Protein backbone atom coordinates (compact mmCIF):
# COMPACT_ATOMS: atom_id res chain seq x y z
CA MET A 1 -7.82 296.65 -12.96
CA VAL A 2 -5.66 299.40 -11.23
CA ASP A 3 -8.23 301.06 -10.39
CA PHE A 4 -9.29 298.15 -8.74
CA ILE A 5 -6.73 296.92 -7.19
CA MET A 6 -6.37 301.14 -5.33
CA GLN A 7 -9.97 299.79 -4.35
CA ILE A 8 -9.33 297.06 -2.29
CA ASN A 9 -5.90 298.15 -1.18
CA PRO A 10 -6.02 302.50 -0.01
CA VAL A 11 -3.47 301.94 1.69
CA PHE A 12 -0.98 302.75 -1.41
CA PRO A 13 -0.04 306.25 -1.25
CA ASP A 14 -0.77 307.74 -4.28
CA TYR A 15 3.23 308.20 -5.85
CA THR A 16 3.05 303.62 -5.72
CA ARG A 17 -0.69 303.95 -7.54
CA ILE A 18 0.96 305.99 -10.90
CA LEU A 19 3.79 303.89 -11.14
CA MET A 20 1.66 301.11 -10.87
CA LYS A 21 -0.70 302.13 -13.76
CA LYS A 22 2.59 303.46 -16.11
CA ASN A 23 3.39 299.55 -15.12
CA MET A 24 0.76 298.56 -16.34
CA ASN A 25 0.79 300.95 -19.38
CA THR A 26 4.35 299.89 -20.78
CA LYS A 27 2.42 296.19 -20.75
CA TRP A 28 -0.23 296.54 -22.86
CA LYS A 29 2.14 298.67 -25.26
CA MET A 30 4.25 295.16 -24.46
CA LEU A 31 1.61 293.17 -25.67
CA THR A 32 -0.03 295.54 -28.46
CA LEU A 33 4.11 295.02 -30.06
CA ALA A 34 4.19 291.27 -29.77
CA ALA A 35 0.65 290.94 -31.51
CA MET A 36 2.29 293.34 -33.74
CA LEU A 37 5.18 291.00 -34.44
CA SER A 38 2.84 288.07 -34.77
CA ALA A 39 0.64 289.47 -37.31
CA GLY A 40 4.83 290.15 -39.37
CA THR A 41 5.18 286.70 -38.31
CA THR A 42 1.66 285.68 -39.81
CA ALA A 43 2.95 287.81 -43.05
CA ALA A 44 6.01 286.03 -43.29
CA THR A 45 4.03 282.83 -43.33
CA ALA A 46 2.17 282.92 -45.77
CA ALA A 47 4.51 284.04 -47.68
CA ASP A 48 6.82 280.73 -47.23
CA ASN A 49 3.59 278.52 -47.64
CA GLY A 50 2.43 280.29 -51.03
CA TYR A 51 4.07 284.05 -51.77
CA ILE A 52 1.73 285.93 -54.40
CA SER A 53 4.46 286.56 -56.62
CA GLU A 54 1.32 288.54 -58.74
CA TYR A 55 1.69 291.19 -56.27
CA GLY A 56 4.80 291.59 -54.53
CA GLU A 57 5.77 292.14 -51.36
CA ASP A 58 2.99 295.02 -51.36
CA ALA A 59 0.92 292.49 -51.05
CA TYR A 60 2.03 292.10 -47.26
CA PHE A 61 4.19 294.83 -45.77
CA ALA A 62 3.59 298.13 -48.28
CA GLU A 63 2.71 301.26 -45.75
CA THR A 64 -0.94 301.46 -48.19
CA SER A 65 -1.49 298.26 -47.72
CA GLU A 66 -4.20 296.58 -46.58
CA TYR A 67 -3.45 293.10 -45.48
CA ILE A 68 -1.89 294.23 -41.99
CA GLY A 69 -4.44 296.71 -41.70
CA GLY A 70 -4.04 300.28 -38.88
CA LEU A 71 -1.15 299.45 -36.97
CA TYR A 72 -1.63 300.26 -33.25
CA GLU A 73 -0.61 304.22 -32.59
CA ASP A 74 0.72 305.88 -29.02
CA GLY A 75 -0.61 308.21 -28.80
CA ALA A 76 0.58 308.72 -25.28
CA ASN A 77 4.03 309.37 -26.91
CA GLY A 78 3.93 312.58 -27.56
CA ASN A 79 3.33 313.79 -24.00
CA ALA A 80 6.23 315.27 -21.96
CA ALA A 81 7.04 313.61 -18.66
CA GLY A 82 5.26 315.91 -15.88
CA THR A 83 1.83 316.55 -18.01
CA VAL A 84 0.31 312.86 -18.04
CA SER A 85 -2.99 312.35 -16.47
CA GLU A 86 -4.26 309.66 -14.91
CA SER A 87 -6.76 309.27 -17.21
CA ASP A 88 -4.55 308.96 -20.48
CA TYR A 89 -3.32 305.80 -19.23
CA VAL A 90 -6.73 304.85 -17.95
CA ASP A 91 -7.67 306.11 -22.11
CA GLU A 92 -4.95 304.32 -23.80
CA ALA A 93 -5.11 301.08 -22.41
CA ASP A 94 -8.74 300.63 -23.45
CA SER A 95 -8.47 301.71 -27.07
CA ALA A 96 -5.86 299.14 -27.19
CA LEU A 97 -7.84 296.64 -25.53
CA ASN A 98 -10.77 297.71 -28.26
CA THR A 99 -8.43 297.85 -31.23
CA VAL A 100 -5.98 294.34 -31.36
CA GLU A 101 -7.30 291.75 -33.18
CA PRO A 102 -5.31 287.98 -32.44
CA VAL A 103 -4.14 286.69 -35.64
CA ALA A 104 -2.22 284.18 -34.46
CA PHE A 105 -3.77 280.89 -31.94
CA VAL A 106 -1.07 279.15 -29.37
CA GLY A 107 -1.72 275.72 -27.86
CA ASP A 108 -4.99 274.57 -28.03
CA SER A 109 -7.26 277.63 -29.44
CA GLN A 110 -7.95 278.09 -32.69
CA PRO A 111 -7.67 281.31 -35.44
CA SER A 112 -9.87 283.50 -35.60
CA TYR A 113 -9.85 285.26 -39.45
CA GLU A 114 -11.62 288.40 -40.14
CA HIS A 115 -13.20 289.30 -43.69
CA GLU A 116 -11.26 292.08 -45.11
CA VAL A 117 -11.94 293.59 -48.95
CA TYR A 118 -8.35 293.97 -50.41
CA PRO A 119 -6.96 296.63 -53.05
CA GLN A 120 -7.89 296.41 -56.50
CA HIS A 121 -5.43 295.09 -59.24
CA GLU A 122 -7.68 296.18 -61.74
CA GLY A 123 -7.11 294.15 -64.83
CA TYR A 124 -5.58 290.68 -63.38
CA PRO A 125 -6.59 287.75 -65.50
CA GLN A 126 -6.40 284.09 -64.66
CA ASP A 127 -7.07 282.39 -67.69
CA PHE A 128 -8.64 279.08 -67.77
CA GLY A 129 -9.44 276.64 -71.19
CA SER A 130 -9.71 278.07 -74.59
CA GLY A 131 -7.76 280.82 -74.27
CA VAL A 132 -10.41 282.84 -72.70
CA VAL A 133 -10.25 284.32 -69.30
CA MET A 134 -12.06 282.72 -66.52
CA ASP A 135 -11.84 284.48 -63.11
CA THR A 136 -10.84 282.59 -60.37
CA GLY A 137 -13.33 283.05 -58.01
CA SER A 138 -14.52 284.11 -54.51
CA TYR A 139 -11.03 285.15 -52.82
CA ALA A 140 -12.11 286.67 -48.85
CA TYR A 141 -11.12 285.49 -45.29
CA ALA A 142 -13.78 282.34 -44.09
CA SER A 143 -16.39 284.56 -41.80
CA GLY A 144 -20.11 285.24 -41.74
CA GLN A 145 -19.00 289.15 -42.37
CA GLY A 146 -18.60 287.82 -46.27
CA GLY A 147 -16.43 285.96 -48.37
CA CYS A 148 -16.58 282.38 -49.89
CA SER A 149 -19.67 281.97 -47.50
CA ASP A 150 -21.81 284.12 -48.80
CA GLY A 151 -20.45 285.46 -51.62
CA SER A 152 -19.57 288.82 -51.10
CA CYS A 153 -16.47 289.08 -52.40
CA GLY A 154 -17.52 287.93 -56.57
CA PRO A 155 -16.67 285.39 -58.58
CA THR A 156 -13.41 287.90 -59.68
CA TYR A 157 -10.41 287.60 -58.62
CA ALA A 158 -9.29 291.02 -59.87
CA GLU A 159 -11.59 293.04 -58.95
CA SER A 160 -12.60 291.97 -54.99
CA CYS A 161 -10.49 290.46 -53.22
CA ARG A 162 -7.04 288.45 -52.90
CA PRO A 163 -6.57 284.77 -51.27
CA ALA A 164 -6.24 285.11 -47.41
CA ARG A 165 -3.52 282.07 -46.91
CA SER A 166 -5.39 278.78 -46.91
CA MET A 167 -8.67 279.77 -45.67
CA ALA A 168 -9.14 281.21 -49.14
CA CYS A 169 -11.68 279.58 -51.75
CA GLU A 170 -11.88 279.88 -55.56
CA THR A 171 -14.41 278.68 -57.96
CA GLY A 172 -11.64 277.03 -60.92
CA HIS A 173 -14.88 275.17 -63.01
CA TRP A 174 -15.03 276.76 -66.40
CA LEU A 175 -16.83 275.79 -69.74
CA THR A 176 -16.57 277.35 -72.67
CA LEU A 177 -19.00 277.16 -76.03
CA GLU A 178 -17.88 277.96 -79.21
CA ALA A 179 -19.07 278.70 -82.55
CA LEU A 180 -15.90 277.86 -85.18
CA LEU A 181 -16.86 279.87 -88.87
CA TRP A 182 -13.94 278.00 -90.51
CA PHE A 183 -12.49 277.73 -94.26
CA PRO A 184 -10.50 274.80 -94.53
CA GLN A 185 -7.90 274.85 -97.63
CA VAL A 186 -9.06 273.90 -100.92
CA ARG A 187 -8.44 270.81 -102.56
CA SER A 188 -6.89 269.07 -105.86
CA SER A 189 -7.52 266.22 -108.21
CA VAL A 190 -7.17 264.67 -111.61
CA PRO A 191 -10.13 266.47 -114.12
CA LEU A 192 -13.05 264.38 -113.24
CA VAL A 193 -15.05 266.11 -115.64
CA SER A 194 -15.08 267.84 -119.27
CA THR A 195 -17.14 269.40 -121.47
CA SER A 196 -17.31 271.02 -125.29
CA ALA A 197 -18.96 272.16 -128.00
CA ALA A 198 -21.42 270.39 -129.51
CA GLY A 199 -20.02 267.94 -132.50
CA THR A 200 -16.39 267.95 -130.57
CA LEU A 201 -14.86 265.43 -128.64
CA PRO A 202 -14.90 266.25 -125.34
CA GLU A 203 -10.93 265.88 -124.74
CA LEU A 204 -8.35 268.08 -122.92
CA ASP A 205 -5.97 268.39 -126.27
CA GLN A 206 -8.94 269.30 -128.39
CA GLY A 207 -10.45 272.83 -126.84
CA ALA A 208 -12.13 271.17 -124.32
CA SER A 209 -12.80 272.90 -120.42
CA VAL A 210 -12.57 270.79 -117.17
CA ALA A 211 -16.05 270.86 -115.70
CA TYR A 212 -15.53 269.50 -112.60
CA GLY A 213 -11.80 268.74 -110.81
CA GLY A 214 -8.35 269.65 -111.26
CA ASN A 215 -6.63 272.13 -109.12
CA ASP A 216 -7.55 273.43 -105.94
CA ALA A 217 -11.42 271.47 -107.02
CA PHE A 218 -12.87 271.93 -103.36
CA GLY A 219 -13.43 273.11 -100.56
CA GLY A 220 -12.48 276.93 -99.26
CA ASN A 221 -15.93 277.33 -98.60
CA LEU A 222 -17.35 278.72 -94.89
CA GLN A 223 -17.84 276.64 -92.80
CA ALA A 224 -19.86 276.08 -89.74
CA GLY A 225 -18.72 274.30 -86.74
CA PHE A 226 -18.20 273.77 -82.83
CA ARG A 227 -15.81 273.84 -80.59
CA VAL A 228 -16.57 273.04 -76.39
CA ASP A 229 -14.09 273.23 -73.82
CA GLY A 230 -14.22 272.46 -69.96
CA GLY A 231 -11.63 271.86 -66.29
CA PHE A 232 -11.32 272.78 -63.48
CA MET A 233 -8.71 274.00 -61.44
CA LEU A 234 -6.99 272.23 -59.40
CA SER A 235 -4.91 274.32 -58.00
CA ASP A 236 -4.31 278.19 -58.26
CA ASP A 237 -1.32 276.62 -60.29
CA PHE A 238 -2.34 274.39 -62.19
CA GLY A 239 -5.51 272.48 -63.96
CA VAL A 240 -6.44 269.68 -65.90
CA GLY A 241 -9.60 270.12 -69.04
CA GLY A 242 -10.90 268.74 -72.22
CA ARG A 243 -11.63 270.37 -75.16
CA PHE A 244 -14.00 268.44 -78.37
CA TRP A 245 -14.09 270.74 -82.05
CA MET A 246 -15.65 269.48 -85.22
CA LEU A 247 -16.63 271.12 -88.33
CA GLY A 248 -20.19 270.30 -90.89
CA GLN A 249 -19.30 269.23 -93.77
CA ASP A 250 -17.43 270.53 -96.85
CA SER A 251 -18.87 268.63 -99.78
CA ASP A 252 -18.51 270.14 -103.40
CA SER A 253 -21.40 267.59 -106.24
CA PHE A 254 -21.12 268.10 -109.57
CA SER A 255 -24.14 266.31 -112.26
CA GLN A 256 -24.35 266.70 -115.48
CA GLY A 257 -26.31 265.13 -118.83
CA GLY A 258 -27.31 264.72 -122.23
CA ASP A 259 -27.47 263.39 -125.79
CA GLY A 260 -24.53 265.31 -127.43
CA THR A 261 -26.46 267.84 -128.97
CA ASN A 262 -26.28 270.81 -126.91
CA GLY A 263 -22.52 270.06 -126.41
CA SER A 264 -20.11 267.08 -125.03
CA ILE A 265 -20.00 265.65 -122.39
CA GLY A 266 -17.17 262.99 -121.35
CA ILE A 267 -14.33 261.71 -118.52
CA PRO A 268 -10.76 262.96 -119.77
CA PHE A 269 -7.92 260.73 -118.81
CA TYR A 270 -4.03 260.17 -120.67
CA ASP A 271 -5.01 257.66 -122.77
CA THR A 272 -2.12 255.06 -122.60
CA ASP A 273 -2.61 252.54 -125.64
CA LEU A 274 0.48 251.76 -127.57
CA SER A 275 -1.93 251.96 -130.40
CA THR A 276 -2.68 256.03 -128.99
CA GLY A 277 -0.32 257.30 -126.66
CA ALA A 278 -1.90 261.01 -126.47
CA GLU A 279 -5.54 262.05 -124.17
CA ASN A 280 -8.76 260.65 -124.93
CA ALA A 281 -12.15 260.91 -123.40
CA ILE A 282 -14.73 258.09 -122.36
CA ARG A 283 -17.69 259.38 -124.80
CA ILE A 284 -20.68 260.29 -121.79
CA ALA A 285 -23.11 262.53 -124.18
CA TYR A 286 -21.50 263.18 -127.32
CA ALA A 287 -23.22 263.44 -131.12
CA ASP A 288 -21.63 264.37 -134.32
CA GLY A 289 -24.19 264.43 -136.56
CA ILE A 290 -22.15 262.65 -139.75
CA GLY A 291 -23.49 259.51 -139.77
CA ALA A 292 -19.73 257.45 -140.38
CA GLY A 293 -17.84 259.62 -137.54
CA ASP A 294 -17.23 258.63 -134.43
CA SER A 295 -20.06 256.57 -132.60
CA ASP A 296 -23.13 258.41 -130.81
CA PHE A 297 -23.12 258.38 -126.95
CA THR A 298 -25.74 258.86 -124.44
CA GLY A 299 -25.72 259.03 -121.26
CA SER A 300 -24.98 261.24 -117.38
CA VAL A 301 -22.68 261.66 -114.61
CA SER A 302 -22.47 262.50 -111.39
CA ALA A 303 -19.63 263.52 -108.86
CA LYS A 304 -19.07 264.56 -105.88
CA SER A 305 -16.16 265.28 -102.69
CA SER A 306 -16.75 265.81 -98.92
CA PHE A 307 -14.66 266.49 -96.51
CA SER A 308 -14.98 266.35 -92.28
CA VAL A 309 -12.55 266.69 -89.36
CA TYR A 310 -13.33 266.94 -86.12
CA ALA A 311 -10.54 266.71 -82.40
CA ALA A 312 -10.73 265.32 -78.67
CA GLU A 313 -7.85 266.62 -76.93
CA ALA A 314 -6.72 266.46 -72.65
CA TYR A 315 -5.01 268.96 -71.06
CA GLY A 316 -2.90 269.95 -67.98
CA ARG A 317 -2.32 273.22 -67.38
CA LEU A 318 1.00 274.82 -65.37
CA ARG A 319 1.82 278.39 -64.23
CA LEU A 320 4.95 279.69 -65.30
CA LEU A 321 4.44 283.62 -65.45
CA GLY A 322 2.16 286.03 -63.29
CA GLY A 323 1.58 289.25 -62.36
CA ASN A 324 -0.01 292.90 -62.29
CA GLY A 325 -2.84 292.28 -65.61
CA TYR A 326 -0.69 288.74 -67.05
CA ARG A 327 -0.39 285.15 -66.60
CA SER A 328 1.83 282.86 -68.76
CA ASP A 329 0.60 278.98 -68.79
CA PHE A 330 2.45 275.68 -70.49
CA ILE A 331 0.43 273.48 -71.89
CA GLY A 332 0.65 270.37 -72.37
CA GLY A 333 -1.66 267.13 -73.06
CA PHE A 334 -2.76 264.68 -76.10
CA SER A 335 -4.72 265.32 -78.94
CA HIS A 336 -6.75 263.23 -81.17
CA PHE A 337 -8.18 264.01 -84.99
CA ASN A 338 -9.81 262.60 -87.85
CA ILE A 339 -9.64 263.94 -91.40
CA GLU A 340 -11.77 261.93 -94.12
CA ASP A 341 -11.60 262.99 -97.69
CA ASP A 342 -14.04 261.41 -99.86
CA LEU A 343 -13.98 261.63 -103.73
CA SER A 344 -16.18 259.47 -105.76
CA LEU A 345 -17.59 259.37 -109.37
CA SER A 346 -20.56 257.59 -110.87
CA ALA A 347 -21.22 257.53 -114.60
CA THR A 348 -23.56 255.98 -117.60
CA THR A 349 -23.44 255.50 -120.97
CA THR A 350 -24.69 254.41 -124.10
CA GLN A 351 -23.84 253.84 -127.46
CA VAL A 352 -26.91 254.67 -129.81
CA GLU A 353 -25.70 255.19 -133.10
CA VAL A 354 -26.42 252.83 -135.26
CA GLY A 355 -24.12 249.94 -136.52
CA PRO A 356 -21.33 247.65 -134.64
CA GLY A 357 -22.13 247.92 -130.82
CA GLN A 358 -25.01 249.86 -131.11
CA GLY A 359 -27.27 249.59 -127.65
CA ASN A 360 -23.64 248.72 -125.53
CA ARG A 361 -24.00 250.02 -121.77
CA PHE A 362 -21.51 250.94 -119.66
CA SER A 363 -21.50 252.21 -116.03
CA TYR A 364 -18.20 253.22 -114.03
CA PHE A 365 -18.16 254.11 -110.54
CA ASP A 366 -15.06 255.01 -108.84
CA SER A 367 -15.39 255.43 -105.25
CA TYR A 368 -11.90 256.46 -102.59
CA THR A 369 -12.20 257.49 -98.26
CA ALA A 370 -8.89 258.97 -97.29
CA SER A 371 -8.84 258.43 -93.82
CA ASN A 372 -6.62 259.92 -90.87
CA GLU A 373 -6.21 259.20 -87.71
CA PHE A 374 -4.17 260.67 -85.86
CA TYR A 375 -2.51 260.14 -82.45
CA GLY A 376 -0.18 261.89 -80.53
CA GLY A 377 0.50 264.59 -77.73
CA GLN A 378 0.67 268.41 -77.27
CA ILE A 379 2.55 271.34 -75.87
CA GLY A 380 3.16 275.14 -76.00
CA PHE A 381 1.66 278.05 -74.08
CA LEU A 382 -1.19 280.74 -72.90
CA THR A 383 -0.63 283.57 -72.43
CA THR A 384 -3.10 286.27 -71.31
CA VAL A 385 -3.07 290.27 -71.21
CA GLY A 386 -6.33 291.89 -69.34
CA ARG A 387 -7.45 295.62 -68.30
CA GLY A 388 -10.75 296.57 -66.89
CA ALA A 389 -13.12 293.51 -68.32
CA TRP A 390 -11.49 293.38 -71.66
CA THR A 391 -8.89 290.06 -72.09
CA LEU A 392 -6.27 289.35 -74.55
CA SER A 393 -4.97 285.97 -75.12
CA ALA A 394 -2.96 284.11 -77.03
CA LEU A 395 -2.59 280.38 -77.35
CA THR A 396 0.34 278.97 -79.48
CA LYS A 397 0.66 275.42 -79.35
CA VAL A 398 2.14 272.20 -81.69
CA HIS A 399 0.30 268.44 -82.11
CA LEU A 400 3.21 266.03 -82.29
CA GLY A 401 1.77 262.12 -82.82
CA ASN A 402 1.47 259.55 -85.82
CA MET A 403 -1.36 259.39 -88.47
CA ASP A 404 -2.47 256.28 -89.48
CA GLN A 405 -3.39 256.82 -93.11
CA THR A 406 -6.03 254.14 -95.42
CA LEU A 407 -6.86 254.84 -99.17
CA THR A 408 -9.77 252.61 -99.14
CA ASN A 409 -11.45 251.83 -102.50
CA ALA A 410 -15.25 250.51 -103.71
CA SER A 411 -14.49 250.80 -107.37
CA SER A 412 -16.04 249.09 -109.97
CA ARG A 413 -16.86 249.29 -113.77
CA THR A 414 -19.84 247.15 -115.79
CA LEU A 415 -19.50 246.37 -119.36
CA PRO A 416 -21.36 244.81 -122.55
CA ALA A 417 -21.71 241.29 -122.25
CA PRO A 418 -19.42 238.81 -122.11
CA ALA A 419 -17.15 241.62 -119.76
CA GLY A 420 -19.84 241.89 -117.49
CA VAL A 421 -19.12 243.75 -113.76
CA GLN A 422 -15.29 243.68 -113.42
CA GLU A 423 -12.88 245.55 -109.98
CA GLY A 424 -11.78 249.00 -110.67
CA GLY A 425 -13.32 251.46 -112.05
CA ILE A 426 -11.67 254.36 -114.15
CA PHE A 427 -8.87 255.84 -112.09
CA SER A 428 -8.04 252.69 -110.09
CA PRO A 429 -6.41 249.67 -110.42
CA SER A 430 -8.08 246.18 -110.07
CA ASP A 431 -6.30 244.33 -107.43
CA GLN A 432 -6.12 248.12 -105.38
CA ALA A 433 -8.73 247.58 -101.88
CA SER A 434 -7.76 249.11 -99.36
CA ILE A 435 -3.92 250.35 -98.31
CA SER A 436 -2.04 252.02 -95.00
CA ARG A 437 0.53 253.19 -94.01
CA ASP A 438 1.94 255.01 -90.44
CA SER A 439 3.98 258.72 -90.45
CA PHE A 440 5.26 261.34 -88.63
CA THR A 441 2.75 263.93 -88.61
CA PHE A 442 3.48 267.06 -86.76
CA ALA A 443 0.75 270.82 -86.15
CA PRO A 444 0.70 273.40 -85.26
CA GLU A 445 -2.30 275.72 -83.76
CA ALA A 446 -2.81 279.06 -83.27
CA ASN A 447 -5.08 280.96 -81.71
CA LEU A 448 -5.99 284.37 -80.83
CA LYS A 449 -9.17 285.57 -78.87
CA LEU A 450 -9.74 288.90 -77.78
CA ALA A 451 -13.03 288.67 -74.66
CA TYR A 452 -15.50 290.59 -72.88
CA ARG A 453 -16.52 290.77 -69.50
CA VAL A 454 -20.61 291.38 -69.61
CA ARG A 455 -21.35 289.80 -66.16
CA GLU A 456 -19.21 288.57 -63.25
CA ASN A 457 -19.27 284.91 -64.39
CA ILE A 458 -19.91 285.49 -68.04
CA ARG A 459 -17.34 286.59 -71.01
CA PHE A 460 -17.99 286.97 -74.86
CA SER A 461 -14.88 286.72 -77.25
CA VAL A 462 -13.93 286.77 -80.31
CA GLY A 463 -10.92 285.05 -81.94
CA TYR A 464 -8.75 283.27 -85.02
CA THR A 465 -8.24 280.33 -85.45
CA PHE A 466 -5.17 278.77 -88.02
CA LEU A 467 -4.54 274.95 -87.37
CA MET A 468 -1.90 272.83 -89.76
CA TRP A 469 -1.36 269.19 -90.38
CA ASN A 470 2.19 268.66 -92.05
CA ASP A 471 1.72 265.50 -93.64
CA VAL A 472 -2.34 264.55 -94.63
CA LEU A 473 -3.87 262.16 -97.03
CA MET A 474 -6.60 263.11 -99.79
CA ALA A 475 -7.93 261.08 -102.20
CA GLY A 476 -8.03 263.05 -104.67
CA ASP A 477 -4.24 263.17 -104.74
CA ASN A 478 -4.12 259.43 -105.36
CA LEU A 479 -6.30 259.17 -108.64
CA ASN A 480 -4.11 258.31 -111.53
CA ARG A 481 -5.17 259.61 -115.11
CA SER A 482 -2.54 257.40 -116.84
CA ILE A 483 -5.27 254.79 -118.28
CA ASN A 484 -4.75 251.79 -121.44
CA SER A 485 -8.08 252.73 -122.35
CA SER A 486 -8.12 248.88 -123.91
CA TYR A 487 -8.94 247.80 -120.69
CA LEU A 488 -12.03 250.23 -120.36
CA VAL A 489 -13.48 249.41 -122.91
CA GLY A 490 -11.40 246.97 -125.15
CA ASP A 491 -9.93 248.89 -128.38
CA GLY A 492 -12.33 248.79 -132.00
CA ALA A 493 -10.68 244.96 -132.26
CA GLY A 494 -11.27 243.76 -128.68
CA VAL A 495 -7.81 243.66 -127.87
CA VAL A 496 -6.10 244.23 -124.68
CA GLN A 497 -2.26 246.00 -125.12
CA PRO A 498 -0.44 245.64 -121.73
CA PRO A 499 0.85 247.49 -119.20
CA GLN A 500 -2.51 247.47 -117.78
CA ARG A 501 -2.88 251.27 -116.35
CA PRO A 502 -3.34 253.25 -114.19
CA ALA A 503 -0.90 250.74 -111.65
CA PHE A 504 -0.59 252.00 -108.02
CA GLN A 505 3.02 254.03 -107.41
CA GLY A 506 2.59 254.93 -103.93
CA LEU A 507 0.26 257.40 -101.67
CA GLU A 508 0.74 260.86 -101.83
CA THR A 509 0.05 263.06 -98.87
CA ASP A 510 0.43 266.99 -98.48
CA SER A 511 -0.47 269.22 -96.05
CA LEU A 512 -3.63 270.51 -95.04
CA PHE A 513 -4.71 273.50 -93.25
CA VAL A 514 -7.91 275.28 -91.36
CA HIS A 515 -8.79 278.54 -90.30
CA GLY A 516 -11.17 280.82 -89.77
CA VAL A 517 -13.15 283.46 -86.56
CA ASP A 518 -14.27 282.05 -83.39
CA LEU A 519 -17.43 283.72 -81.48
CA GLY A 520 -17.41 281.93 -77.97
CA CYS A 521 -19.44 282.16 -74.64
CA VAL A 522 -17.10 281.09 -70.98
CA ILE A 523 -19.58 280.56 -68.04
CA GLN A 524 -18.00 280.57 -64.58
CA PHE A 525 -19.58 278.35 -61.72
């Protein structure tokens, strides 16, 4: 510019031309300083609009920070007075023009951004879904040189780019698929089937053993299931998601029959009949080998227990803490659980011994379904730490709400004529059909998970889950083995002696837990 002026005004003396060049160079320096101050103001504005707490001030102001970039340095400042040449000032001015990038805009002009990849802070996790870390996506300036538009910034927040103010974009969707290898808690009931040696009564006080039922009789086996978790982030700090999981049905069954020659089979109970008042048993298969002894029976008995559970959740997550290598979120939302326990017993026996009652046939069918429907809320925390491709997360939360509990009885018995078909089975009163109640229930849950990133958008994980409900209705806990036998089969004289048993004594509940291993895959998109 100065040379051009000199060309059209050749009358200026040399000392004036030198002074004009110095003044022009000073203006360039002032412009450069203004640009630097504007860059600092922009950084401060970014801090006000969304301070990135996980990186600290070094993200903007550290000497090695690449956020600000290289500052213009006046290479001519070190020149001594009297040794400055004209070419030094011209070269310096041209260099400043080529170096300084616009960092702010005034009036109607539009902002200009250059793509810049920032230093890596390895291991900074962004944890989404069911405790498995997922990267938040691509962070870069939106320009033709890379970033969100062309994917060059990559999907890994900790190992690719940092957010560039409001121009950053992110991939905040996740889908977690997990195979569940869980063990439900063992369940109990009254003894349902007893066996003893041939020629001996299948009564528990006569040395018979419990063949099916009793304490810790059902469950405890490995059950396979699945869990699906998906959602999306509405911002860097808040996201919403949903989860559904279920276990395969846990079932146990028993079946046995005979004529008593190879062993006795019975259904044991405590007889409250005033003439008995002791252990007794319905004889299913029995032969004493003595014509004048107890009546012989032939028949069969089968029993089955099954357990199933599933859950559905909707939740929100809010980041509480975040730093280099860790993140902690608050979890809150809605929870629903369905827990169902079924227990059935079916038996048929026929008196075969010659004499009174020969040919009489007795059939018993007991069927009980305990249903538990939980509706409530959940609160908890999800904390994640990461290093390189490895991530460790811990999820702890508690579900609080109402458990709607219902015990349904669909039992019956068929006796010889003229009694015929009657309501009620062996272990249930005839007037019990369906009984319900509501109970406040809490369910603590804990999950520990280790994940490894195999690709930019795929992680594999292995974890452990423990979940317990403090108040659950189970079918086996609500069977009453105190039975008045005269109501079942009638005593020898056909006289029914009160009181009627079994009698309903209220719903019995207990705690229940499931736990096991989770094998999963997290997919980002």
